[in-house]
Amino acid sequence: MNDWPEDGGPGRGSANSQPEGARRMSHVRRPQVPQQPPRYDQGYPQQGQGRGQEYRPDFTQARGEGYDSGYNTGQVYGAPQGGAQGGGHGGGHGAPPPPYAPGRPAPDWRKRAKVGSIVLVVGVLAWGIGTYAWASSQMRNEVDLSKVIERPSEGDCTTYLIVGSDSREGMSAEEKKKLHTGSAEGKRTDSMMILAACSSGNTMVSLPRDSWVTIPNFVGSESGKAYPARGGSKLNAAYAMDGPELLVRTVEFNTGLRIDHYAEIGFAGFANIVDALGGVELNIDKGFKDKKSGADFQAGKQTLNGEQALAFVRTRYAFAESDLQRTKNQQKFLSALANQAATPGTILNPFALYPTLGAGLDTLIVDKDMSLYDLGKMFFAMKGINSGDGKSMNMPISGTAPQGSLKWDMPKVKQLVEQIRNDEKVTVESNR
């Protein structure tokens, strides 16, 4: 039996004069074997094989598809199945393996970037919270303003009473000599100023320590005993009599302005903060010298270290206006100090932030309700004054009083207080 087709075409025994054409057979396809993804090591010499064996695409295909019958499917030999279109020349069936093994998804870089960002934010938050907790634990919340009696009503601004004391607490004999502080026992106020942080503009008002004021009746901060009014005296006597609580009581009684927060720093803490910042740049209008404070300055812009800064804010005998000129210098320096401390270069740099906080917080005495946040607001308010967004002045003076003291100009003082209480722009001018 023959398998040739009987379709009338030329065939065996045909009498046709034309030569026989190609014979056709039924199309026979070999069984399909499920396509297996090539293994990573297919087509490469195995360990122990001889040298000279190279990568063979036909070997890879044979391993994946069984034997090759040699039947031509019309595919151009040497071109990879599913590869370049149009039967172009190129690599064979076994292209080099991808950079990642088959079956393992390629890395999602977008997801990785997102996770990395979250980790970074969490790390920064953890550092910030840790720093805040540590710094808060270093603050000395020792002044209890709840012991102050007969207080004025609250105003629209936040008011701070900032005090520089001559405390020599924690200072060695060598440090006292170096900083020209002397060795007096106890502590007294060396400077006092009211800082009013208002939406209408910040105002810093210095209170000369020789101001003649009335020391009112009060309750002892330690004894709890009631004391009658003491009458006229210098302002710094209030601090010497019963500390910060009586000083706040005296300032409130004589001004009618409520004090929201109290902050005090001694000689050593002040100098250490300046040194921790690497000094404070200041422009001194006119040079001066003073043996008692150790001041020796030339006019011009310069960077003051802790020792020089302390001499600058303490000098009084080198000036004709004595205490009034000193209070102006204190305002000028504190604003410059705040301007340098309250910057991203200090706040965001742990190598600058931690030494600065560590140098001052353990010597900074504040009221019990004052938080690190409140302290930061105080510094930024002082910085605003240095930047021109506010006003600095002395308490208006109208003349002299007993014991060589200074008498306040009370009509101006009342106007100043009303403007601060009502959060109005301060227009009052000091005459000295």
Protein backbone atom coordinates (compact mmCIF):
# COMPACT_ATOMS: atom_id res chain seq x y z
CA MET A 1 0.00 0.00 0.00
CA ASN A 2 1.42 3.32 -0.86
CA ASP A 3 0.83 6.51 1.07
CA TRP A 4 1.11 8.86 -1.84
CA PRO A 5 -1.91 11.10 -2.36
CA GLU A 6 -4.26 10.45 -5.16
CA ASP A 7 -5.31 13.95 -5.97
CA GLY A 8 -4.79 13.83 -9.63
CA GLY A 9 -1.40 15.38 -9.46
CA PRO A 10 1.70 14.00 -11.03
CA GLY A 11 2.88 10.85 -9.42
CA ARG A 12 4.55 7.53 -9.95
CA GLY A 13 3.83 6.07 -13.28
CA SER A 14 2.39 9.22 -14.59
CA ALA A 15 2.41 9.55 -18.26
CA ASN A 16 2.60 13.25 -18.00
CA SER A 17 5.43 14.73 -19.90
CA GLN A 18 6.24 17.09 -17.03
CA PRO A 19 8.61 15.94 -14.36
CA GLU A 20 7.16 14.84 -11.12
CA GLY A 21 6.81 17.50 -8.45
CA ALA A 22 7.68 17.23 -4.84
CA ARG A 23 5.76 14.63 -3.00
CA ARG A 24 3.71 15.67 -0.02
CA MET A 25 3.31 13.82 3.23
CA SER A 26 0.90 14.40 6.05
CA HIS A 27 2.32 16.90 8.54
CA VAL A 28 3.64 15.02 11.52
CA ARG A 29 4.36 16.99 14.72
CA ARG A 30 6.32 15.61 17.57
CA PRO A 31 4.69 15.56 21.00
CA GLN A 32 4.81 18.84 22.86
CA VAL A 33 6.83 18.77 25.99
CA PRO A 34 5.96 21.41 28.59
CA GLN A 35 8.40 24.26 28.34
CA GLN A 36 10.63 24.38 31.38
CA PRO A 37 12.43 27.55 32.34
CA PRO A 38 16.13 27.00 31.96
CA ARG A 39 18.00 26.61 35.16
CA TYR A 40 20.60 29.14 36.04
CA ASP A 41 23.40 26.63 35.41
CA GLN A 42 22.10 25.17 32.13
CA GLY A 43 24.32 25.62 29.18
CA TYR A 44 27.49 26.10 31.25
CA PRO A 45 30.28 23.66 31.92
CA GLN A 46 29.72 21.67 35.06
CA GLN A 47 32.27 21.18 37.73
CA GLY A 48 34.66 18.46 36.70
CA GLN A 49 34.09 18.86 32.96
CA GLY A 50 37.05 19.33 30.74
CA ARG A 51 38.32 22.60 29.48
CA GLY A 52 37.16 23.87 26.14
CA GLN A 53 33.54 23.21 26.84
CA GLU A 54 31.66 26.41 26.20
CA TYR A 55 28.11 27.59 26.49
CA ARG A 56 25.93 25.74 23.91
CA PRO A 57 22.40 27.01 23.20
CA ASP A 58 21.42 23.71 21.55
CA PHE A 59 22.47 21.90 24.69
CA THR A 60 20.25 24.13 26.78
CA GLN A 61 17.31 23.60 24.44
CA ALA A 62 17.84 19.88 24.34
CA ARG A 63 17.90 19.78 28.11
CA GLY A 64 14.65 21.72 28.26
CA GLU A 65 12.70 20.17 25.38
CA GLY A 66 13.92 16.58 24.98
CA TYR A 67 15.45 15.37 21.72
CA ASP A 68 15.52 17.47 18.55
CA SER A 69 13.96 15.65 15.62
CA GLY A 70 15.58 18.00 13.19
CA TYR A 71 12.21 18.85 11.68
CA ASN A 72 12.32 22.38 10.31
CA THR A 73 9.51 24.53 11.64
CA GLY A 74 10.52 27.45 9.55
CA GLN A 75 12.49 29.13 12.30
CA VAL A 76 15.87 30.47 11.34
CA TYR A 77 18.43 28.36 13.07
CA GLY A 78 20.45 30.17 15.67
CA ALA A 79 17.70 32.69 16.50
CA PRO A 80 16.22 32.38 19.97
CA GLN A 81 12.58 31.38 20.21
CA GLY A 82 10.54 34.33 21.22
CA GLY A 83 13.62 36.50 20.63
CA ALA A 84 14.25 39.15 18.02
CA GLN A 85 11.40 39.56 15.54
CA GLY A 86 11.87 39.07 11.86
CA GLY A 87 14.32 36.19 12.19
CA GLY A 88 17.27 38.53 12.57
CA HIS A 89 20.68 37.29 13.44
CA GLY A 90 21.80 37.31 17.03
CA GLY A 91 22.24 35.11 20.04
CA GLY A 92 20.93 31.63 20.28
CA HIS A 93 18.38 30.05 22.52
CA GLY A 94 20.43 30.52 25.68
CA ALA A 95 20.79 34.26 26.31
CA PRO A 96 22.96 35.26 29.29
CA PRO A 97 21.11 34.90 32.57
CA PRO A 98 19.34 37.95 34.01
CA PRO A 99 20.98 39.80 36.91
CA TYR A 100 18.55 38.15 39.30
CA ALA A 101 17.69 34.49 39.30
CA PRO A 102 14.35 33.56 37.63
CA GLY A 103 11.51 33.38 40.11
CA ARG A 104 12.92 36.17 42.34
CA PRO A 105 11.22 39.58 41.76
CA ALA A 106 13.41 42.55 40.91
CA PRO A 107 13.87 45.01 43.80
CA ASP A 108 11.22 47.70 44.13
CA TRP A 109 13.41 50.80 44.52
CA ARG A 110 10.41 53.05 45.06
CA LYS A 111 9.31 50.95 47.99
CA ARG A 112 12.83 50.88 49.38
CA ALA A 113 13.09 54.67 49.14
CA LYS A 114 9.76 55.01 50.95
CA VAL A 115 10.85 52.67 53.75
CA GLY A 116 14.18 54.50 54.02
CA SER A 117 12.40 57.83 54.34
CA ILE A 118 10.16 56.48 57.10
CA VAL A 119 13.17 55.12 58.98
CA LEU A 120 14.91 58.49 58.68
CA VAL A 121 11.89 60.42 59.94
CA VAL A 122 11.43 58.03 62.86
CA GLY A 123 15.12 58.37 63.71
CA VAL A 124 14.97 62.17 63.66
CA LEU A 125 11.82 62.17 65.81
CA ALA A 126 13.40 59.77 68.29
CA TRP A 127 16.49 61.98 68.49
CA GLY A 128 14.38 65.10 68.97
CA ILE A 129 12.20 63.54 71.66
CA GLY A 130 15.26 62.15 73.43
CA THR A 131 17.01 65.52 73.33
CA TYR A 132 13.90 67.30 74.62
CA ALA A 133 13.50 64.84 77.48
CA TRP A 134 17.19 65.08 78.42
CA ALA A 135 17.26 68.89 78.26
CA SER A 136 14.04 69.15 80.26
CA SER A 137 15.58 67.00 82.99
CA GLN A 138 18.53 69.42 83.21
CA MET A 139 16.38 72.49 83.88
CA ARG A 140 16.11 73.69 87.47
CA ASN A 141 12.42 74.50 87.97
CA GLU A 142 12.87 75.95 91.45
CA VAL A 143 10.92 79.23 91.53
CA ASP A 144 7.34 78.86 92.72
CA LEU A 145 5.32 81.79 91.40
CA SER A 146 2.21 80.45 93.13
CA LYS A 147 3.71 81.85 96.35
CA VAL A 148 3.53 85.39 94.95
CA ILE A 149 0.47 87.16 96.41
CA GLU A 150 -1.92 89.83 95.06
CA ARG A 151 -0.89 89.39 91.44
CA PRO A 152 -2.09 91.60 88.55
CA SER A 153 -4.40 90.14 85.91
CA GLU A 154 -2.92 88.47 82.86
CA GLY A 155 -2.24 90.48 79.73
CA ASP A 156 -2.20 89.59 76.03
CA CYS A 157 1.60 89.19 75.82
CA THR A 158 3.86 86.59 77.41
CA THR A 159 6.19 88.31 79.86
CA TYR A 160 9.50 87.02 81.19
CA LEU A 161 11.58 88.43 84.05
CA ILE A 162 15.18 87.67 83.09
CA VAL A 163 17.74 87.98 85.88
CA GLY A 164 21.51 87.77 85.84
CA SER A 165 22.75 87.02 89.34
CA ASP A 166 26.23 87.34 90.76
CA SER A 167 26.03 83.77 92.04
CA ARG A 168 29.40 82.07 92.19
CA GLU A 169 27.84 78.66 92.72
CA GLY A 170 30.10 75.83 91.57
CA MET A 171 33.04 78.11 90.75
CA SER A 172 36.56 77.30 91.90
CA ALA A 173 38.87 79.95 93.36
CA GLU A 174 40.79 79.96 90.09
CA GLU A 175 37.60 80.57 88.07
CA LYS A 176 36.54 83.41 90.38
CA LYS A 177 39.92 85.05 89.87
CA LYS A 178 39.85 84.54 86.11
CA LEU A 179 36.33 85.98 85.73
CA HIS A 180 36.92 88.85 88.21
CA THR A 181 33.84 87.91 90.23
CA GLY A 182 35.24 88.29 93.72
CA SER A 183 34.33 85.87 96.49
CA ALA A 184 31.21 87.37 98.05
CA GLU A 185 28.93 84.84 99.68
CA GLY A 186 25.30 84.40 98.68
CA LYS A 187 23.97 86.02 95.52
CA ARG A 188 22.46 89.28 94.37
CA THR A 189 20.92 90.51 91.15
CA ASP A 190 23.44 91.86 88.69
CA SER A 191 20.92 92.63 85.95
CA MET A 192 17.14 92.54 85.55
CA MET A 193 14.95 92.99 82.50
CA ILE A 194 11.39 92.37 81.37
CA LEU A 195 10.94 90.68 78.00
CA ALA A 196 7.44 91.01 76.55
CA ALA A 197 6.78 88.63 73.65
CA CYS A 198 3.87 90.17 71.76
CA SER A 199 2.29 89.73 68.33
CA SER A 200 2.65 93.50 67.84
CA GLY A 201 6.40 93.27 68.40
CA ASN A 202 8.72 92.15 71.19
CA THR A 203 9.95 94.61 73.80
CA MET A 204 12.88 94.30 76.20
CA VAL A 205 12.85 96.72 79.15
CA SER A 206 15.86 96.86 81.47
CA LEU A 207 15.25 97.54 85.15
CA PRO A 208 18.29 99.27 86.69
CA ARG A 209 19.14 97.50 89.91
CA ASP A 210 19.43 100.92 91.60
CA SER A 211 15.80 101.72 90.79
CA TRP A 212 13.96 103.24 93.77
CA VAL A 213 10.82 101.16 94.38
CA THR A 214 8.39 100.14 97.10
CA ILE A 215 8.92 96.66 98.55
CA PRO A 216 5.34 95.53 99.30
CA ASN A 217 3.95 93.09 101.82
CA PHE A 218 4.73 89.48 100.95
CA VAL A 219 4.71 85.89 102.15
CA GLY A 220 8.10 84.32 102.74
CA SER A 221 8.96 81.77 100.06
CA GLU A 222 10.54 79.42 102.60
CA SER A 223 8.89 80.27 105.91
CA GLY A 224 5.37 80.91 104.60
CA LYS A 225 5.19 83.78 107.07
CA ALA A 226 3.47 87.06 106.12
CA TYR A 227 5.66 90.18 106.14
CA PRO A 228 4.50 93.82 106.05
CA ALA A 229 5.57 96.29 103.37
CA ARG A 230 9.11 97.62 103.71
CA GLY A 231 8.63 100.95 101.96
CA GLY A 232 11.17 102.54 99.61
CA SER A 233 14.36 100.68 98.72
CA LYS A 234 16.57 99.79 95.79
CA LEU A 235 15.12 97.11 93.54
CA ASN A 236 17.95 94.63 94.05
CA ALA A 237 17.21 94.62 97.82
CA ALA A 238 14.03 92.63 97.16
CA TYR A 239 16.03 89.73 95.75
CA ALA A 240 18.47 89.85 98.66
CA MET A 241 15.61 89.74 101.17
CA ASP A 242 13.62 86.76 99.90
CA GLY A 243 14.88 85.69 96.51
CA PRO A 244 13.07 85.41 93.15
CA GLU A 245 9.52 85.27 94.55
CA LEU A 246 9.83 88.63 96.32
CA LEU A 247 11.57 90.15 93.31
CA VAL A 248 8.63 89.13 91.10
CA ARG A 249 6.20 90.45 93.71
CA THR A 250 8.05 93.80 93.83
CA VAL A 251 8.20 94.20 90.04
CA GLU A 252 4.50 93.38 89.67
CA PHE A 253 3.52 95.73 92.51
CA ASN A 254 5.46 98.69 91.09
CA THR A 255 4.55 98.19 87.42
CA GLY A 256 1.12 96.53 87.45
CA LEU A 257 2.43 94.06 84.85
CA ARG A 258 2.03 90.34 85.50
CA ILE A 259 5.16 88.22 85.09
CA ASP A 260 4.42 84.89 83.40
CA HIS A 261 7.87 83.28 83.62
CA TYR A 262 11.12 83.74 85.52
CA ALA A 263 14.63 82.86 84.28
CA GLU A 264 17.91 83.41 86.15
CA ILE A 265 21.50 82.54 85.32
CA GLY A 266 24.70 82.99 87.32
CA PHE A 267 28.19 84.09 86.29
CA ALA A 268 29.56 80.62 85.56
CA GLY A 269 26.60 79.49 83.48
CA PHE A 270 26.65 82.67 81.42
CA ALA A 271 30.35 82.34 80.59
CA ASN A 272 30.04 78.61 79.83
CA ILE A 273 27.20 79.15 77.33
CA VAL A 274 29.24 81.73 75.45
CA ASP A 275 32.26 79.40 75.29
CA ALA A 276 30.08 76.46 74.20
CA LEU A 277 28.88 78.55 71.25
CA GLY A 278 32.46 79.27 70.29
CA GLY A 279 32.10 82.92 71.31
CA VAL A 280 29.58 85.60 70.37
CA GLU A 281 30.22 88.20 67.70
CA LEU A 282 29.51 91.75 68.81
CA ASN A 283 30.10 95.23 67.42
CA ILE A 284 31.35 97.54 70.19
CA ASP A 285 30.70 101.19 69.42
CA LYS A 286 33.32 102.66 71.71
CA GLY A 287 36.26 101.01 73.46
CA PHE A 288 36.51 101.01 77.27
CA LYS A 289 38.50 99.56 80.17
CA ASP A 290 37.52 98.62 83.72
CA LYS A 291 39.85 97.00 86.26
CA LYS A 292 37.05 95.72 88.49
CA SER A 293 35.29 93.73 85.75
CA GLY A 294 38.45 93.01 83.74
CA ALA A 295 37.06 94.76 80.66
CA ASP A 296 39.52 95.91 78.01
CA PHE A 297 37.84 96.44 74.65
CA GLN A 298 38.65 98.24 71.44
CA ALA A 299 35.90 99.64 69.23
CA GLY A 300 34.74 97.49 66.30
CA LYS A 301 33.36 94.06 65.47
CA GLN A 302 34.89 91.22 67.48
CA THR A 303 34.12 87.79 68.93
CA LEU A 304 33.90 87.67 72.72
CA ASN A 305 34.65 84.51 74.68
CA GLY A 306 33.00 83.72 78.02
CA GLU A 307 35.43 85.73 80.14
CA GLN A 308 35.20 88.78 77.88
CA ALA A 309 31.41 88.56 77.61
CA LEU A 310 31.03 88.55 81.38
CA ALA A 311 33.29 91.60 81.68
CA PHE A 312 31.27 93.37 78.99
CA VAL A 313 27.88 92.94 80.68
CA ARG A 314 29.17 93.70 84.20
CA THR A 315 31.10 96.91 83.57
CA ARG A 316 29.51 100.01 85.07
CA TYR A 317 32.25 102.23 86.47
CA ALA A 318 33.76 102.96 83.06
CA PHE A 319 30.64 104.87 81.98
CA ALA A 320 29.31 108.27 82.94
CA GLU A 321 25.76 106.82 83.01
CA SER A 322 26.97 103.92 85.14
CA ASP A 323 24.14 101.40 85.58
CA LEU A 324 22.04 102.80 82.72
CA GLN A 325 24.81 102.24 80.18
CA ARG A 326 25.46 98.82 81.61
CA THR A 327 21.83 97.78 81.11
CA LYS A 328 22.08 98.85 77.46
CA ASN A 329 25.18 96.70 77.04
CA GLN A 330 23.42 93.77 78.68
CA GLN A 331 20.48 94.03 76.28
CA LYS A 332 22.78 94.28 73.31
CA PHE A 333 24.81 91.25 74.28
CA LEU A 334 21.85 89.03 75.24
CA SER A 335 20.16 89.75 71.91
CA ALA A 336 23.38 88.84 70.06
CA LEU A 337 23.72 85.68 72.16
CA ALA A 338 20.15 84.62 71.38
CA ASN A 339 20.64 85.44 67.71
CA GLN A 340 23.60 83.06 67.53
CA ALA A 341 22.14 80.31 69.73
CA ALA A 342 18.69 80.15 68.06
CA THR A 343 19.97 79.15 64.61
CA PRO A 344 19.70 75.88 62.62
CA GLY A 345 23.48 75.55 62.84
CA THR A 346 23.15 75.19 66.62
CA ILE A 347 19.72 73.62 67.06
CA LEU A 348 20.09 70.92 64.35
CA ASN A 349 23.73 70.11 65.04
CA PRO A 350 24.06 67.74 68.02
CA PHE A 351 27.76 68.57 68.33
CA ALA A 352 26.78 72.21 68.96
CA LEU A 353 23.38 71.76 70.64
CA TYR A 354 24.36 69.35 73.44
CA PRO A 355 27.40 71.34 74.67
CA THR A 356 25.37 74.55 74.62
CA LEU A 357 22.44 73.06 76.53
CA GLY A 358 24.74 71.22 78.91
CA ALA A 359 26.73 74.40 79.62
CA GLY A 360 23.75 76.49 80.65
CA LEU A 361 20.76 74.42 81.68
CA ASP A 362 22.19 73.10 84.92
CA THR A 363 22.91 76.67 86.07
CA LEU A 364 19.67 78.14 84.73
CA ILE A 365 16.99 78.59 87.39
CA VAL A 366 13.42 78.96 86.13
CA ASP A 367 9.90 78.88 87.49
CA LYS A 368 8.10 75.59 88.03
CA ASP A 369 5.74 76.10 85.07
CA MET A 370 8.42 76.97 82.53
CA SER A 371 9.08 74.26 79.94
CA LEU A 372 11.90 73.88 77.46
CA TYR A 373 9.44 75.10 74.83
CA ASP A 374 8.82 78.30 76.83
CA LEU A 375 12.57 78.78 77.17
CA GLY A 376 12.95 78.42 73.41
CA LYS A 377 10.23 81.03 72.83
CA MET A 378 12.09 83.39 75.13
CA PHE A 379 15.32 83.01 73.14
CA PHE A 380 13.55 83.50 69.82
CA ALA A 381 11.86 86.64 71.19
CA MET A 382 15.28 88.05 72.12
CA LYS A 383 16.58 87.06 68.70
CA GLY A 384 13.75 88.98 67.07
CA ILE A 385 14.80 92.14 68.90
CA ASN A 386 18.38 91.73 67.66
CA SER A 387 17.01 91.36 64.11
CA GLY A 388 15.12 94.65 64.39
CA ASP A 389 11.71 93.08 65.00
CA GLY A 390 11.08 94.76 68.34
CA LYS A 391 12.37 97.34 70.74
CA SER A 392 14.86 97.52 73.60
CA MET A 393 14.88 100.31 76.17
CA ASN A 394 15.50 101.25 79.79
CA MET A 395 12.64 101.82 82.16
CA PRO A 396 11.78 105.56 81.80
CA ILE A 397 13.64 107.59 84.45
CA SER A 398 12.61 111.01 85.76
CA GLY A 399 15.46 111.77 88.14
CA THR A 400 17.33 110.62 91.23
CA ALA A 401 16.09 109.33 94.56
CA PRO A 402 17.57 108.52 98.02
CA GLN A 403 20.79 106.51 98.30
CA GLY A 404 21.89 107.59 94.82
CA SER A 405 19.09 105.57 93.27
CA LEU A 406 16.99 106.22 90.16
CA LYS A 407 13.37 107.35 90.18
CA TRP A 408 11.00 105.98 87.55
CA ASP A 409 8.90 108.26 85.36
CA MET A 410 5.59 106.79 86.51
CA PRO A 411 3.28 108.36 83.85
CA LYS A 412 5.47 106.83 81.14
CA VAL A 413 5.76 103.57 83.05
CA LYS A 414 1.95 103.27 83.21
CA GLN A 415 1.64 104.00 79.48
CA LEU A 416 4.32 101.42 78.68
CA VAL A 417 2.62 98.79 80.81
CA GLU A 418 -0.78 99.41 79.21
CA GLN A 419 0.65 99.03 75.71
CA ILE A 420 2.28 95.72 76.66
CA ARG A 421 -0.81 94.43 78.48
CA ASN A 422 -3.01 95.18 75.45
CA ASP A 423 -0.48 93.87 72.91
CA GLU A 424 -0.09 97.27 71.28
CA LYS A 425 2.99 98.60 69.53
CA VAL A 426 5.20 100.23 72.15
CA THR A 427 5.61 103.93 71.44
CA VAL A 428 6.95 105.03 74.81
CA GLU A 429 10.53 106.29 74.69
CA SER A 430 13.06 106.16 77.48
CA ASN A 431 14.78 109.47 78.15
CA ARG A 432 18.02 107.82 79.29
